[in-house]
Amino acid sequence: MGILDGLLGNATEVSVEDVEEELSPIMGDNERVDRAFKVVRDMYVFTSGRLILIDKQGLTGKKVEYLSIPYKSINTFSVESSGHFDMDSELTLWMSGRDPIKKELKKGSDVVGIQKLLANKILS
């Protein structure tokens, strides 16, 4: 990930091996990381069984929230692509029993790849 991409908040794909090593304490025995994207300090991790949204908080990033969403609990999702004047895209996930989760995807993010990955996971 380039410094400029990080400062602008672009979601860039990161090494599956590095993410698996970092998340090994919380991963299931047969779970594997399929793809992972990083936006500054936060990450979207697509595993074989769930989507993990990692939110590093505070100045030091020592406080971390791990939101684990099993694919089977996602009812609907939308990916709104950016227009000519709006540089950001938006990912929205709907699950039963909770408010929708909205995540911004900055210009340069693999919006099509994220949408295809979610479709493959949810519809399989």
C-alpha atoms as a PDB file:
ATOM      1  CA  MET A   1       0.000   0.000   0.000  1.00  0.00           C
ATOM      2  CA  GLY A   2       1.443   3.318  -1.018  1.00  0.00           C
ATOM      3  CA  ILE A   3       1.697   6.163   1.476  1.00  0.00           C
ATOM      4  CA  LEU A   4      -0.607   8.312  -0.638  1.00  0.00           C
ATOM      5  CA  ASP A   5      -3.237   5.538  -0.795  1.00  0.00           C
ATOM      6  CA  GLY A   6      -3.099   5.164   2.980  1.00  0.00           C
ATOM      7  CA  LEU A   7      -3.494   8.879   3.584  1.00  0.00           C
ATOM      8  CA  LEU A   8      -6.419   9.083   1.196  1.00  0.00           C
ATOM      9  CA  GLY A   9      -8.100   6.028   2.709  1.00  0.00           C
ATOM     10  CA  ASN A  10      -8.132   3.848  -0.404  1.00  0.00           C
ATOM     11  CA  ALA A  11      -8.919   0.224   0.277  1.00  0.00           C
ATOM     12  CA  THR A  12      -5.972  -1.785  -0.966  1.00  0.00           C
ATOM     13  CA  GLU A  13      -5.642  -5.531  -1.010  1.00  0.00           C
ATOM     14  CA  VAL A  14      -3.187  -6.951   1.515  1.00  0.00           C
ATOM     15  CA  SER A  15      -1.340 -10.252   1.747  1.00  0.00           C
ATOM     16  CA  VAL A  16      -3.557 -13.162   2.803  1.00  0.00           C
ATOM     17  CA  GLU A  17      -0.604 -14.794   4.574  1.00  0.00           C
ATOM     18  CA  ASP A  18       0.103 -11.708   6.704  1.00  0.00           C
ATOM     19  CA  VAL A  19      -3.549 -11.376   7.691  1.00  0.00           C
ATOM     20  CA  GLU A  20      -3.879 -15.079   8.549  1.00  0.00           C
ATOM     21  CA  GLU A  21      -0.835 -14.789  10.802  1.00  0.00           C
ATOM     22  CA  GLU A  22      -2.188 -11.667  12.522  1.00  0.00           C
ATOM     23  CA  LEU A  23      -5.670 -13.167  13.025  1.00  0.00           C
ATOM     24  CA  SER A  24      -4.611 -16.722  13.870  1.00  0.00           C
ATOM     25  CA  PRO A  25      -5.679 -16.357  17.550  1.00  0.00           C
ATOM     26  CA  ILE A  26      -9.297 -15.643  16.542  1.00  0.00           C
ATOM     27  CA  MET A  27      -9.633 -17.825  13.434  1.00  0.00           C
ATOM     28  CA  GLY A  28     -11.494 -21.129  13.475  1.00  0.00           C
ATOM     29  CA  ASP A  29      -9.519 -24.358  13.067  1.00  0.00           C
ATOM     30  CA  ASN A  30     -10.593 -24.873   9.431  1.00  0.00           C
ATOM     31  CA  GLU A  31     -11.086 -21.197   8.558  1.00  0.00           C
ATOM     32  CA  ARG A  32      -8.912 -19.498   5.970  1.00  0.00           C
ATOM     33  CA  VAL A  33      -8.584 -15.925   4.718  1.00  0.00           C
ATOM     34  CA  ASP A  34      -9.695 -15.569   1.103  1.00  0.00           C
ATOM     35  CA  ARG A  35      -9.066 -11.833   0.591  1.00  0.00           C
ATOM     36  CA  ALA A  36      -8.367  -8.830   2.789  1.00  0.00           C
ATOM     37  CA  PHE A  37      -8.510  -5.098   2.203  1.00  0.00           C
ATOM     38  CA  LYS A  38      -6.988  -2.347   4.319  1.00  0.00           C
ATOM     39  CA  VAL A  39      -8.168   1.244   4.635  1.00  0.00           C
ATOM     40  CA  VAL A  40      -5.602   3.215   6.664  1.00  0.00           C
ATOM     41  CA  ARG A  41      -5.708   1.122   9.894  1.00  0.00           C
ATOM     42  CA  ASP A  42      -9.061  -0.630   9.397  1.00  0.00           C
ATOM     43  CA  MET A  43      -9.494  -3.884   7.497  1.00  0.00           C
ATOM     44  CA  TYR A  44     -12.200  -5.890   5.715  1.00  0.00           C
ATOM     45  CA  VAL A  45     -11.280  -9.579   5.909  1.00  0.00           C
ATOM     46  CA  PHE A  46     -13.201 -12.125   3.839  1.00  0.00           C
ATOM     47  CA  THR A  47     -12.661 -15.607   5.260  1.00  0.00           C
ATOM     48  CA  SER A  48     -14.053 -18.955   4.186  1.00  0.00           C
ATOM     49  CA  GLY A  49     -17.006 -18.529   6.553  1.00  0.00           C
ATOM     50  CA  ARG A  50     -17.417 -14.897   7.560  1.00  0.00           C
ATOM     51  CA  LEU A  51     -16.615 -11.259   6.975  1.00  0.00           C
ATOM     52  CA  ILE A  52     -14.518  -9.682   9.733  1.00  0.00           C
ATOM     53  CA  LEU A  53     -14.606  -5.888   9.962  1.00  0.00           C
ATOM     54  CA  ILE A  54     -11.614  -4.669  11.974  1.00  0.00           C
ATOM     55  CA  ASP A  55     -11.829  -1.161  13.414  1.00  0.00           C
ATOM     56  CA  LYS A  56      -8.650   0.097  15.094  1.00  0.00           C
ATOM     57  CA  GLN A  57      -9.579   2.947  17.404  1.00  0.00           C
ATOM     58  CA  GLY A  58      -7.778   5.739  19.204  1.00  0.00           C
ATOM     59  CA  LEU A  59      -4.501   7.441  18.429  1.00  0.00           C
ATOM     60  CA  THR A  60      -2.380   4.358  19.030  1.00  0.00           C
ATOM     61  CA  GLY A  61      -4.750   1.816  17.489  1.00  0.00           C
ATOM     62  CA  LYS A  62      -4.345  -0.473  20.492  1.00  0.00           C
ATOM     63  CA  LYS A  63      -8.107  -0.642  21.031  1.00  0.00           C
ATOM     64  CA  VAL A  64      -9.529  -2.871  18.299  1.00  0.00           C
ATOM     65  CA  GLU A  65     -13.097  -3.911  17.478  1.00  0.00           C
ATOM     66  CA  TYR A  66     -13.575  -7.158  15.553  1.00  0.00           C
ATOM     67  CA  LEU A  67     -17.068  -7.410  14.061  1.00  0.00           C
ATOM     68  CA  SER A  68     -17.649 -10.952  12.824  1.00  0.00           C
ATOM     69  CA  ILE A  69     -20.483 -11.397  10.324  1.00  0.00           C
ATOM     70  CA  PRO A  70     -21.238 -14.937   9.134  1.00  0.00           C
ATOM     71  CA  TYR A  71     -22.103 -14.860   5.435  1.00  0.00           C
ATOM     72  CA  LYS A  72     -25.319 -16.797   6.120  1.00  0.00           C
ATOM     73  CA  SER A  73     -26.610 -13.889   8.246  1.00  0.00           C
ATOM     74  CA  ILE A  74     -26.244 -11.293   5.472  1.00  0.00           C
ATOM     75  CA  ASN A  75     -29.687 -10.899   3.893  1.00  0.00           C
ATOM     76  CA  THR A  76     -28.900  -8.167   1.401  1.00  0.00           C
ATOM     77  CA  PHE A  77     -25.958  -6.069   0.346  1.00  0.00           C
ATOM     78  CA  SER A  78     -25.457  -3.109  -1.916  1.00  0.00           C
ATOM     79  CA  VAL A  79     -22.421  -1.499  -3.425  1.00  0.00           C
ATOM     80  CA  GLU A  80     -22.941   2.043  -4.586  1.00  0.00           C
ATOM     81  CA  SER A  81     -20.263   3.060  -7.029  1.00  0.00           C
ATOM     82  CA  SER A  82     -18.888   6.566  -7.193  1.00  0.00           C
ATOM     83  CA  GLY A  83     -20.029   9.061  -9.767  1.00  0.00           C
ATOM     84  CA  HIS A  84     -18.075  11.707 -11.608  1.00  0.00           C
ATOM     85  CA  PHE A  85     -18.146  14.199  -8.744  1.00  0.00           C
ATOM     86  CA  ASP A  86     -18.443  11.780  -5.809  1.00  0.00           C
ATOM     87  CA  MET A  87     -15.131   9.956  -5.414  1.00  0.00           C
ATOM     88  CA  ASP A  88     -16.266   7.450  -2.765  1.00  0.00           C
ATOM     89  CA  SER A  89     -18.280   4.254  -3.066  1.00  0.00           C
ATOM     90  CA  GLU A  90     -20.310   2.697  -0.282  1.00  0.00           C
ATOM     91  CA  LEU A  91     -20.852  -0.885   0.876  1.00  0.00           C
ATOM     92  CA  THR A  92     -24.035  -1.563   2.871  1.00  0.00           C
ATOM     93  CA  LEU A  93     -24.847  -4.885   4.547  1.00  0.00           C
ATOM     94  CA  TRP A  94     -28.262  -5.810   5.942  1.00  0.00           C
ATOM     95  CA  MET A  95     -28.697  -8.556   8.523  1.00  0.00           C
ATOM     96  CA  SER A  96     -31.764  -9.606  10.459  1.00  0.00           C
ATOM     97  CA  GLY A  97     -32.051  -8.125  13.916  1.00  0.00           C
ATOM     98  CA  ARG A  98     -29.741  -5.137  13.471  1.00  0.00           C
ATOM     99  CA  ASP A  99     -29.323  -1.861  11.682  1.00  0.00           C
ATOM    100  CA  PRO A 100     -27.507  -1.899   8.341  1.00  0.00           C
ATOM    101  CA  ILE A 101     -23.738  -1.582   8.374  1.00  0.00           C
ATOM    102  CA  LYS A 102     -22.341   1.046   6.019  1.00  0.00           C
ATOM    103  CA  LYS A 103     -18.688   1.243   5.060  1.00  0.00           C
ATOM    104  CA  GLU A 104     -17.112   3.792   2.780  1.00  0.00           C
ATOM    105  CA  LEU A 105     -14.847   2.569   0.010  1.00  0.00           C
ATOM    106  CA  LYS A 106     -12.545   5.273  -1.255  1.00  0.00           C
ATOM    107  CA  LYS A 107     -11.677   5.933  -4.872  1.00  0.00           C
ATOM    108  CA  GLY A 108      -9.397   3.215  -6.182  1.00  0.00           C
ATOM    109  CA  SER A 109     -10.991   0.438  -4.111  1.00  0.00           C
ATOM    110  CA  ASP A 110     -11.775  -2.855  -5.846  1.00  0.00           C
ATOM    111  CA  VAL A 111     -15.541  -2.279  -5.701  1.00  0.00           C
ATOM    112  CA  VAL A 112     -16.299  -4.895  -8.361  1.00  0.00           C
ATOM    113  CA  GLY A 113     -14.052  -7.481  -6.679  1.00  0.00           C
ATOM    114  CA  ILE A 114     -15.671  -6.899  -3.273  1.00  0.00           C
ATOM    115  CA  GLN A 115     -19.151  -7.176  -4.783  1.00  0.00           C
ATOM    116  CA  LYS A 116     -18.267 -10.397  -6.629  1.00  0.00           C
ATOM    117  CA  LEU A 117     -16.689 -11.923  -3.532  1.00  0.00           C
ATOM    118  CA  LEU A 118     -19.784 -11.157  -1.438  1.00  0.00           C
ATOM    119  CA  ALA A 119     -22.073 -12.553  -4.137  1.00  0.00           C
ATOM    120  CA  ASN A 120     -20.059 -15.785  -4.295  1.00  0.00           C
ATOM    121  CA  LYS A 121     -20.057 -16.173  -0.513  1.00  0.00           C
ATOM    122  CA  ILE A 122     -23.696 -15.306   0.111  1.00  0.00           C
ATOM    123  CA  LEU A 123     -25.223 -17.156  -2.846  1.00  0.00           C
ATOM    124  CA  SER A 124     -23.255 -20.389  -2.431  1.00  0.00           C
END
